[in-house]
C-alpha atoms as a PDB file:
ATOM      1  CA  MET A   1       0.040  -0.026   0.062  1.00  0.00           C
ATOM      2  CA  GLU A   2       2.920   2.306   0.590  1.00  0.00           C
ATOM      3  CA  VAL A   3       4.079   1.719  -2.939  1.00  0.00           C
ATOM      4  CA  LEU A   4       0.685   2.721  -4.268  1.00  0.00           C
ATOM      5  CA  ALA A   5       0.583   5.853  -2.095  1.00  0.00           C
ATOM      6  CA  HIS A   6       4.025   6.925  -3.198  1.00  0.00           C
ATOM      7  CA  SER A   7       2.949   6.406  -6.795  1.00  0.00           C
ATOM      8  CA  GLY A   8       0.084   8.919  -6.313  1.00  0.00           C
ATOM      9  CA  TYR A   9      -2.888   6.617  -5.814  1.00  0.00           C
ATOM     10  CA  LYS A  10      -5.571   8.023  -3.450  1.00  0.00           C
ATOM     11  CA  GLU A  11      -7.937   5.074  -3.347  1.00  0.00           C
ATOM     12  CA  VAL A  12      -7.443   1.369  -2.960  1.00  0.00           C
ATOM     13  CA  VAL A  13      -9.941  -1.510  -3.017  1.00  0.00           C
ATOM     14  CA  LEU A  14      -9.199  -4.567  -0.872  1.00  0.00           C
ATOM     15  CA  THR A  15     -10.451  -7.630  -2.719  1.00  0.00           C
ATOM     16  CA  GLY A  16     -10.262 -11.349  -2.461  1.00  0.00           C
ATOM     17  CA  VAL A  17     -12.310 -14.493  -3.058  1.00  0.00           C
ATOM     18  CA  HIS A  18     -13.192 -14.708   0.639  1.00  0.00           C
ATOM     19  CA  LEU A  19     -12.192 -11.192   1.823  1.00  0.00           C
ATOM     20  CA  ALA A  20     -14.124 -11.352   5.097  1.00  0.00           C
ATOM     21  CA  SER A  21     -12.229 -14.551   6.083  1.00  0.00           C
ATOM     22  CA  TYR A  22      -8.895 -12.905   5.559  1.00  0.00           C
ATOM     23  CA  GLY A  23      -6.204 -13.948   8.051  1.00  0.00           C
ATOM     24  CA  ARG A  24      -7.533 -17.236   9.213  1.00  0.00           C
ATOM     25  CA  ASP A  25      -4.558 -19.124   7.833  1.00  0.00           C
ATOM     26  CA  ILE A  26      -1.991 -16.728   9.401  1.00  0.00           C
ATOM     27  CA  GLY A  27      -3.556 -16.121  12.764  1.00  0.00           C
ATOM     28  CA  THR A  28      -5.168 -12.766  12.215  1.00  0.00           C
ATOM     29  CA  LYS A  29      -8.387 -11.329  10.727  1.00  0.00           C
ATOM     30  CA  LEU A  30      -9.706  -8.641   8.420  1.00  0.00           C
ATOM     31  CA  LEU A  31     -10.546  -6.303  11.265  1.00  0.00           C
ATOM     32  CA  LYS A  32      -7.013  -6.272  12.476  1.00  0.00           C
ATOM     33  CA  LEU A  33      -5.757  -5.458   9.050  1.00  0.00           C
ATOM     34  CA  LEU A  34      -8.222  -2.576   8.765  1.00  0.00           C
ATOM     35  CA  GLN A  35      -7.175  -1.312  12.186  1.00  0.00           C
ATOM     36  CA  GLU A  36      -3.559  -1.206  10.966  1.00  0.00           C
ATOM     37  CA  ILE A  37      -4.482   0.566   7.763  1.00  0.00           C
ATOM     38  CA  GLU A  38      -6.510   3.111   9.749  1.00  0.00           C
ATOM     39  CA  LYS A  39      -3.589   3.709  12.088  1.00  0.00           C
ATOM     40  CA  ALA A  40      -1.030   4.101   9.250  1.00  0.00           C
ATOM     41  CA  LYS A  41      -3.289   6.521   7.222  1.00  0.00           C
ATOM     42  CA  ILE A  42      -1.142   5.894   4.164  1.00  0.00           C
ATOM     43  CA  ILE A  43      -4.065   5.906   1.656  1.00  0.00           C
ATOM     44  CA  LYS A  44      -6.902   8.349   2.223  1.00  0.00           C
ATOM     45  CA  ARG A  45      -9.667   6.058   0.874  1.00  0.00           C
ATOM     46  CA  VAL A  46      -9.872   2.298   1.192  1.00  0.00           C
ATOM     47  CA  ARG A  47     -12.850   0.321  -0.067  1.00  0.00           C
ATOM     48  CA  LEU A  48     -13.859  -3.260   0.699  1.00  0.00           C
ATOM     49  CA  SER A  49     -14.975  -5.582  -2.095  1.00  0.00           C
ATOM     50  CA  SER A  50     -17.640  -8.359  -1.547  1.00  0.00           C
ATOM     51  CA  LEU A  51     -18.088  -9.674   1.962  1.00  0.00           C
ATOM     52  CA  ASP A  52     -19.739 -13.006   2.974  1.00  0.00           C
ATOM     53  CA  PRO A  53     -22.476 -12.355   5.533  1.00  0.00           C
ATOM     54  CA  ALA A  54     -21.315 -15.406   7.517  1.00  0.00           C
ATOM     55  CA  ASP A  55     -17.998 -13.605   8.290  1.00  0.00           C
ATOM     56  CA  THR A  56     -19.235  -9.957   8.439  1.00  0.00           C
ATOM     57  CA  THR A  57     -19.285  -9.363  12.170  1.00  0.00           C
ATOM     58  CA  ASP A  58     -20.948  -6.602  14.127  1.00  0.00           C
ATOM     59  CA  GLU A  59     -17.477  -5.574  15.340  1.00  0.00           C
ATOM     60  CA  LEU A  60     -16.309  -5.098  11.777  1.00  0.00           C
ATOM     61  CA  ILE A  61     -19.296  -2.990  10.893  1.00  0.00           C
ATOM     62  CA  ASN A  62     -18.902  -0.846  13.999  1.00  0.00           C
ATOM     63  CA  PHE A  63     -15.263  -0.226  13.213  1.00  0.00           C
ATOM     64  CA  VAL A  64     -15.880   0.940   9.663  1.00  0.00           C
ATOM     65  CA  ALA A  65     -18.606   3.252  11.069  1.00  0.00           C
ATOM     66  CA  SER A  66     -15.933   4.957  13.149  1.00  0.00           C
ATOM     67  CA  SER A  67     -13.162   4.902  10.540  1.00  0.00           C
ATOM     68  CA  GLU A  68     -11.748   7.978   8.747  1.00  0.00           C
ATOM     69  CA  THR A  69     -10.151   5.839   6.089  1.00  0.00           C
ATOM     70  CA  ILE A  70     -12.499   2.890   5.218  1.00  0.00           C
ATOM     71  CA  CYS A  71     -15.237   4.164   2.881  1.00  0.00           C
ATOM     72  CA  PRO A  72     -18.823   3.729   3.976  1.00  0.00           C
ATOM     73  CA  GLN A  73     -19.581   1.303   1.209  1.00  0.00           C
ATOM     74  CA  PHE A  74     -20.419  -2.314   1.615  1.00  0.00           C
ATOM     75  CA  HIS A  75     -21.077  -5.091  -0.899  1.00  0.00           C
ATOM     76  CA  VAL A  76     -22.570  -7.886   1.092  1.00  0.00           C
ATOM     77  CA  ALA A  77     -23.237 -11.219  -0.714  1.00  0.00           C
ATOM     78  CA  LEU A  78     -26.865 -12.333  -0.933  1.00  0.00           C
ATOM     79  CA  GLN A  79     -27.360 -14.537  -4.148  1.00  0.00           C
ATOM     80  CA  SER A  80     -30.791 -15.360  -3.116  1.00  0.00           C
ATOM     81  CA  GLY A  81     -33.406 -14.055  -0.617  1.00  0.00           C
ATOM     82  CA  ASP A  82     -34.929 -17.548  -0.131  1.00  0.00           C
ATOM     83  CA  GLY A  83     -33.598 -19.892   2.562  1.00  0.00           C
ATOM     84  CA  GLU A  84     -34.217 -23.056   0.534  1.00  0.00           C
ATOM     85  CA  VAL A  85     -32.321 -21.761  -2.481  1.00  0.00           C
ATOM     86  CA  LEU A  86     -29.407 -20.666  -0.282  1.00  0.00           C
ATOM     87  CA  LYS A  87     -29.305 -24.204   1.117  1.00  0.00           C
ATOM     88  CA  ARG A  88     -29.170 -25.680  -2.379  1.00  0.00           C
ATOM     89  CA  MET A  89     -26.328 -23.205  -3.227  1.00  0.00           C
ATOM     90  CA  ARG A  90     -24.523 -24.452  -0.071  1.00  0.00           C
ATOM     91  CA  ARG A  91     -24.187 -20.971   1.321  1.00  0.00           C
ATOM     92  CA  ARG A  92     -23.048 -20.634   4.945  1.00  0.00           C
ATOM     93  CA  TYR A  93     -25.510 -17.832   5.777  1.00  0.00           C
ATOM     94  CA  THR A  94     -29.247 -17.278   5.950  1.00  0.00           C
ATOM     95  CA  SER A  95     -31.347 -14.432   4.578  1.00  0.00           C
ATOM     96  CA  GLU A  96     -31.914 -13.417   8.196  1.00  0.00           C
ATOM     97  CA  LYS A  97     -28.120 -13.019   8.721  1.00  0.00           C
ATOM     98  CA  PHE A  98     -28.008 -10.868   5.573  1.00  0.00           C
ATOM     99  CA  ILE A  99     -30.748  -8.646   6.787  1.00  0.00           C
ATOM    100  CA  HIS A 100     -29.101  -8.313  10.209  1.00  0.00           C
ATOM    101  CA  CYS A 101     -25.871  -7.144   8.464  1.00  0.00           C
ATOM    102  CA  THR A 102     -27.493  -4.601   6.153  1.00  0.00           C
ATOM    103  CA  ASN A 103     -29.794  -3.209   8.843  1.00  0.00           C
ATOM    104  CA  LEU A 104     -26.828  -2.714  11.219  1.00  0.00           C
ATOM    105  CA  ILE A 105     -24.884  -0.954   8.467  1.00  0.00           C
ATOM    106  CA  ARG A 106     -27.766   1.330   7.860  1.00  0.00           C
ATOM    107  CA  GLU A 107     -28.215   2.026  11.593  1.00  0.00           C
ATOM    108  CA  LYS A 108     -24.521   2.865  12.082  1.00  0.00           C
ATOM    109  CA  MET A 109     -23.985   4.594   8.646  1.00  0.00           C
ATOM    110  CA  PRO A 110     -27.143   6.231   7.413  1.00  0.00           C
ATOM    111  CA  ASP A 111     -25.417   7.443   4.304  1.00  0.00           C
ATOM    112  CA  ALA A 112     -23.651   4.184   3.443  1.00  0.00           C
ATOM    113  CA  ALA A 113     -24.003   2.556  -0.005  1.00  0.00           C
ATOM    114  CA  ILE A 114     -25.025  -1.094   0.429  1.00  0.00           C
ATOM    115  CA  GLY A 115     -24.826  -3.375  -2.590  1.00  0.00           C
ATOM    116  CA  THR A 116     -25.127  -7.046  -3.306  1.00  0.00           C
ATOM    117  CA  ASP A 117     -25.308  -9.711  -6.070  1.00  0.00           C
ATOM    118  CA  ILE A 118     -28.442 -11.637  -6.733  1.00  0.00           C
ATOM    119  CA  MET A 119     -28.611 -14.791  -8.847  1.00  0.00           C
ATOM    120  CA  VAL A 120     -31.865 -15.476 -10.723  1.00  0.00           C
ATOM    121  CA  GLY A 121     -33.033 -18.939 -11.851  1.00  0.00           C
ATOM    122  CA  PHE A 122     -30.822 -21.220  -9.795  1.00  0.00           C
ATOM    123  CA  PRO A 123     -32.081 -24.823 -10.446  1.00  0.00           C
ATOM    124  CA  GLY A 124     -35.435 -25.461  -8.730  1.00  0.00           C
ATOM    125  CA  GLU A 125     -36.138 -21.705  -8.040  1.00  0.00           C
ATOM    126  CA  THR A 126     -39.945 -21.607  -7.902  1.00  0.00           C
ATOM    127  CA  ASP A 127     -42.114 -18.535  -8.420  1.00  0.00           C
ATOM    128  CA  LYS A 128     -42.472 -18.256  -4.651  1.00  0.00           C
ATOM    129  CA  GLU A 129     -38.795 -18.576  -4.007  1.00  0.00           C
ATOM    130  CA  PHE A 130     -38.099 -15.889  -6.583  1.00  0.00           C
ATOM    131  CA  GLU A 131     -40.777 -13.748  -4.951  1.00  0.00           C
ATOM    132  CA  ASN A 132     -38.996 -14.093  -1.588  1.00  0.00           C
ATOM    133  CA  SER A 133     -35.789 -12.836  -3.242  1.00  0.00           C
ATOM    134  CA  PHE A 134     -37.608  -9.923  -4.859  1.00  0.00           C
ATOM    135  CA  ASN A 135     -39.431  -8.934  -1.763  1.00  0.00           C
ATOM    136  CA  LEU A 136     -36.315  -9.065   0.434  1.00  0.00           C
ATOM    137  CA  ALA A 137     -34.432  -6.863  -2.110  1.00  0.00           C
ATOM    138  CA  LYS A 138     -37.397  -4.400  -2.294  1.00  0.00           C
ATOM    139  CA  GLU A 139     -37.879  -4.130   1.502  1.00  0.00           C
ATOM    140  CA  SER A 140     -34.112  -4.031   2.362  1.00  0.00           C
ATOM    141  CA  THR A 141     -31.866  -1.002   2.862  1.00  0.00           C
ATOM    142  CA  LEU A 142     -29.918  -1.967  -0.329  1.00  0.00           C
ATOM    143  CA  THR A 143     -28.959   0.890  -2.572  1.00  0.00           C
ATOM    144  CA  TYR A 144     -27.827  -1.094  -5.609  1.00  0.00           C
ATOM    145  CA  PHE A 145     -27.470  -4.676  -6.736  1.00  0.00           C
ATOM    146  CA  HIS A 146     -26.074  -6.693  -9.633  1.00  0.00           C
ATOM    147  CA  VAL A 147     -28.374  -9.315 -11.127  1.00  0.00           C
ATOM    148  CA  PHE A 148     -26.907 -12.467 -12.570  1.00  0.00           C
ATOM    149  CA  PRO A 149     -28.974 -14.893 -14.607  1.00  0.00           C
ATOM    150  CA  TYR A 150     -28.042 -18.482 -13.783  1.00  0.00           C
ATOM    151  CA  SER A 151     -26.271 -20.216 -16.611  1.00  0.00           C
ATOM    152  CA  ARG A 152     -25.715 -23.968 -16.732  1.00  0.00           C
ATOM    153  CA  ARG A 153     -22.035 -24.879 -16.622  1.00  0.00           C
ATOM    154  CA  LYS A 154     -20.875 -28.379 -17.296  1.00  0.00           C
ATOM    155  CA  GLY A 155     -19.063 -30.083 -14.511  1.00  0.00           C
ATOM    156  CA  THR A 156     -20.760 -28.100 -11.756  1.00  0.00           C
ATOM    157  CA  PRO A 157     -23.162 -29.683  -9.190  1.00  0.00           C
ATOM    158  CA  ALA A 158     -25.890 -27.322 -10.233  1.00  0.00           C
ATOM    159  CA  ALA A 159     -25.736 -28.446 -13.835  1.00  0.00           C
ATOM    160  CA  THR A 160     -27.193 -31.828 -12.948  1.00  0.00           C
ATOM    161  CA  MET A 161     -29.766 -30.598 -10.495  1.00  0.00           C
ATOM    162  CA  PRO A 162     -33.421 -31.324 -11.341  1.00  0.00           C
ATOM    163  CA  ASN A 163     -35.960 -28.623 -12.280  1.00  0.00           C
ATOM    164  CA  GLN A 164     -33.738 -26.389 -14.335  1.00  0.00           C
ATOM    165  CA  VAL A 165     -35.554 -23.055 -14.825  1.00  0.00           C
ATOM    166  CA  HIS A 166     -36.562 -22.178 -18.421  1.00  0.00           C
ATOM    167  CA  PRO A 167     -34.293 -19.370 -19.944  1.00  0.00           C
ATOM    168  CA  GLN A 168     -37.290 -17.130 -20.702  1.00  0.00           C
ATOM    169  CA  VAL A 169     -38.434 -17.332 -17.048  1.00  0.00           C
ATOM    170  CA  ILE A 170     -34.947 -16.404 -15.997  1.00  0.00           C
ATOM    171  CA  LYS A 171     -34.907 -13.491 -18.417  1.00  0.00           C
ATOM    172  CA  ASP A 172     -38.251 -12.230 -17.201  1.00  0.00           C
ATOM    173  CA  ARG A 173     -37.294 -12.443 -13.556  1.00  0.00           C
ATOM    174  CA  SER A 174     -33.992 -10.752 -14.190  1.00  0.00           C
ATOM    175  CA  SER A 175     -35.813  -7.778 -15.800  1.00  0.00           C
ATOM    176  CA  LEU A 176     -37.958  -7.355 -12.837  1.00  0.00           C
ATOM    177  CA  LEU A 177     -35.005  -7.298 -10.448  1.00  0.00           C
ATOM    178  CA  ARG A 178     -32.998  -5.010 -12.602  1.00  0.00           C
ATOM    179  CA  GLU A 179     -35.843  -2.534 -12.810  1.00  0.00           C
ATOM    180  CA  LEU A 180     -36.131  -2.599  -8.977  1.00  0.00           C
ATOM    181  CA  GLY A 181     -32.386  -2.085  -8.658  1.00  0.00           C
ATOM    182  CA  GLN A 182     -32.391   0.967 -10.916  1.00  0.00           C
ATOM    183  CA  LYS A 183     -35.261   2.473  -8.882  1.00  0.00           C
ATOM    184  CA  LYS A 184     -33.493   1.903  -5.493  1.00  0.00           C
ATOM    185  CA  LYS A 185     -30.230   3.363  -6.834  1.00  0.00           C
ATOM    186  CA  ASN A 186     -32.061   6.424  -8.219  1.00  0.00           C
ATOM    187  CA  GLU A 187     -33.816   6.982  -4.889  1.00  0.00           C
ATOM    188  CA  PHE A 188     -30.590   6.631  -2.986  1.00  0.00           C
ATOM    189  CA  TYR A 189     -28.882   9.201  -5.198  1.00  0.00           C
ATOM    190  CA  ARG A 190     -31.789  11.603  -5.024  1.00  0.00           C
ATOM    191  CA  SER A 191     -31.799  11.447  -1.233  1.00  0.00           C
ATOM    192  CA  PHE A 192     -28.563  13.492  -1.266  1.00  0.00           C
ATOM    193  CA  ILE A 193     -29.683  16.356  -3.487  1.00  0.00           C
ATOM    194  CA  GLY A 194     -28.553  19.505  -1.774  1.00  0.00           C
ATOM    195  CA  ARG A 195     -25.774  17.738   0.234  1.00  0.00           C
ATOM    196  CA  LYS A 196     -22.031  18.361  -0.238  1.00  0.00           C
ATOM    197  CA  PHE A 197     -19.602  15.509  -0.636  1.00  0.00           C
ATOM    198  CA  SER A 198     -15.801  15.131  -1.188  1.00  0.00           C
ATOM    199  CA  VAL A 199     -15.464  13.682  -4.764  1.00  0.00           C
ATOM    200  CA  LEU A 200     -12.370  12.062  -5.966  1.00  0.00           C
ATOM    201  CA  VAL A 201     -12.015  12.942  -9.651  1.00  0.00           C
ATOM    202  CA  GLU A 202     -11.406   9.926 -11.897  1.00  0.00           C
ATOM    203  CA  ARG A 203     -11.549  11.423 -15.420  1.00  0.00           C
ATOM    204  CA  PRO A 204     -12.469  14.469 -17.401  1.00  0.00           C
ATOM    205  CA  VAL A 205     -15.590  14.599 -19.563  1.00  0.00           C
ATOM    206  CA  LEU A 206     -14.367  14.198 -23.148  1.00  0.00           C
ATOM    207  CA  SER A 207     -16.011  15.858 -26.115  1.00  0.00           C
ATOM    208  CA  ARG A 208     -16.811  13.928 -29.221  1.00  0.00           C
ATOM    209  CA  SER A 209     -18.444  16.818 -31.071  1.00  0.00           C
ATOM    210  CA  PRO A 210     -17.163  17.479 -34.651  1.00  0.00           C
ATOM    211  CA  GLU A 211     -16.408  21.102 -33.677  1.00  0.00           C
ATOM    212  CA  ARG A 212     -13.659  20.000 -31.209  1.00  0.00           C
ATOM    213  CA  SER A 213     -10.586  18.027 -31.763  1.00  0.00           C
ATOM    214  CA  GLU A 214     -10.805  14.398 -30.772  1.00  0.00           C
ATOM    215  CA  GLY A 215     -10.124  13.838 -27.087  1.00  0.00           C
ATOM    216  CA  SER A 216     -10.530  17.476 -26.136  1.00  0.00           C
ATOM    217  CA  VAL A 217     -12.199  18.383 -22.844  1.00  0.00           C
ATOM    218  CA  GLU A 218     -15.771  19.570 -23.181  1.00  0.00           C
ATOM    219  CA  GLY A 219     -15.922  20.760 -19.550  1.00  0.00           C
ATOM    220  CA  GLY A 220     -16.579  19.086 -16.280  1.00  0.00           C
ATOM    221  CA  SER A 221     -15.347  15.793 -14.927  1.00  0.00           C
ATOM    222  CA  ARG A 222     -16.510  12.560 -13.250  1.00  0.00           C
ATOM    223  CA  GLY A 223     -15.729  11.148  -9.853  1.00  0.00           C
ATOM    224  CA  THR A 224     -16.990   9.225  -6.891  1.00  0.00           C
ATOM    225  CA  THR A 225     -18.042  10.102  -3.348  1.00  0.00           C
ATOM    226  CA  PRO A 226     -16.875   8.036  -0.319  1.00  0.00           C
ATOM    227  CA  ASN A 227     -20.330   6.390  -0.257  1.00  0.00           C
ATOM    228  CA  TYR A 228     -20.075   5.319  -3.847  1.00  0.00           C
ATOM    229  CA  ILE A 229     -22.146   7.939  -5.643  1.00  0.00           C
ATOM    230  CA  SER A 230     -20.958   8.456  -9.217  1.00  0.00           C
ATOM    231  CA  VAL A 231     -21.033  12.227  -9.825  1.00  0.00           C
ATOM    232  CA  LYS A 232     -20.638  14.229 -12.969  1.00  0.00           C
ATOM    233  CA  ILE A 233     -19.107  17.586 -11.886  1.00  0.00           C
ATOM    234  CA  MET A 234     -20.572  20.317 -14.104  1.00  0.00           C
ATOM    235  CA  ASP A 235     -18.137  23.109 -13.363  1.00  0.00           C
ATOM    236  CA  GLY A 236     -14.560  23.611 -12.396  1.00  0.00           C
ATOM    237  CA  ASN A 237     -11.331  22.643 -14.052  1.00  0.00           C
ATOM    238  CA  CYS A 238     -10.521  19.302 -12.288  1.00  0.00           C
ATOM    239  CA  LYS A 239      -7.808  16.910 -13.043  1.00  0.00           C
ATOM    240  CA  THR A 240      -7.672  13.237 -12.446  1.00  0.00           C
ATOM    241  CA  GLY A 241      -6.766  12.622  -8.768  1.00  0.00           C
ATOM    242  CA  ASP A 242      -8.142  15.931  -7.513  1.00  0.00           C
ATOM    243  CA  GLU A 243     -10.446  15.829  -4.448  1.00  0.00           C
ATOM    244  CA  VAL A 244     -13.049  18.523  -4.507  1.00  0.00           C
ATOM    245  CA  GLN A 245     -16.149  19.454  -2.450  1.00  0.00           C
ATOM    246  CA  VAL A 246     -19.256  19.049  -4.659  1.00  0.00           C
ATOM    247  CA  GLU A 247     -22.863  19.805  -4.032  1.00  0.00           C
ATOM    248  CA  ILE A 248     -25.263  17.289  -5.561  1.00  0.00           C
ATOM    249  CA  ARG A 249     -27.891  19.166  -7.523  1.00  0.00           C
ATOM    250  CA  ASP A 250     -29.701  16.604  -9.606  1.00  0.00           C
ATOM    251  CA  VAL A 251     -29.732  12.958 -10.804  1.00  0.00           C
ATOM    252  CA  ARG A 252     -29.686  11.954 -14.409  1.00  0.00           C
ATOM    253  CA  GLY A 253     -29.704   8.316 -15.537  1.00  0.00           C
ATOM    254  CA  GLU A 254     -26.955   6.365 -13.624  1.00  0.00           C
ATOM    255  CA  GLU A 255     -25.205   9.408 -12.228  1.00  0.00           C
ATOM    256  CA  ALA A 256     -25.640  12.394  -9.914  1.00  0.00           C
ATOM    257  CA  LEU A 257     -24.944  15.896 -11.206  1.00  0.00           C
ATOM    258  CA  GLY A 258     -22.973  18.240  -9.002  1.00  0.00           C
ATOM    259  CA  LEU A 259     -21.348  21.677  -8.722  1.00  0.00           C
ATOM    260  CA  ILE A 260     -18.213  22.838  -6.979  1.00  0.00           C
ATOM    261  CA  ASN A 261     -19.478  26.407  -6.878  1.00  0.00           C
ATOM    262  CA  PRO A 262     -23.253  26.205  -6.592  1.00  0.00           C
ATOM    263  CA  ARG A 263     -25.213  29.475  -6.938  1.00  0.00           C
END
């Protein structure tokens, strides 16, 4: 992380196949690593990638809530909101454990982004089981989620399971969840209109108009808030890596619109 900081990086994402289980093989744990990162304050922003609810402890959530370094953004695995489907997937957690994690995050960090992955059409998924997933996502404090249609892969246990779901049913269910996800994300973004956030600029807005030379800057830039809101900055002359205070003024499509110098 010191090498990245000395190279000019201002944000780092910690990732791994089982990130929340980090350290079990070497006598430590993810929380201790985060505490060391917080103490060192080498990188200003650190994000966590996907966490398994089975290993996402209250202690970990409480620490992030008090941290000045770890961003208030969580991606907690769900896959399905139905208990029987989770059992068939051989997941180590229940939907109740997932709800506990996300509710605690929202209680401790009201502005946090909370995302997840949801798989649609796992073998044997009935209309009722899908409805349970949909309703959990709808009633939860999630702010975004990625929807993955199940696809049969040769050699996996699921490929030989009975009651494979018809592709058209999977497509229809996926559309319903994606529509819900877009609505929740839009509502989350809109809840911050009028608020100011620190935005880390990632890239300028490039013009593709015939009047300008290719690759020229049209004006404005794009960046991300600590709580994972994608913002198009409409004013200012920002460069990649700048960190600026931006007031969110509107939401358009998949991004918020903001101004450095609102009138």
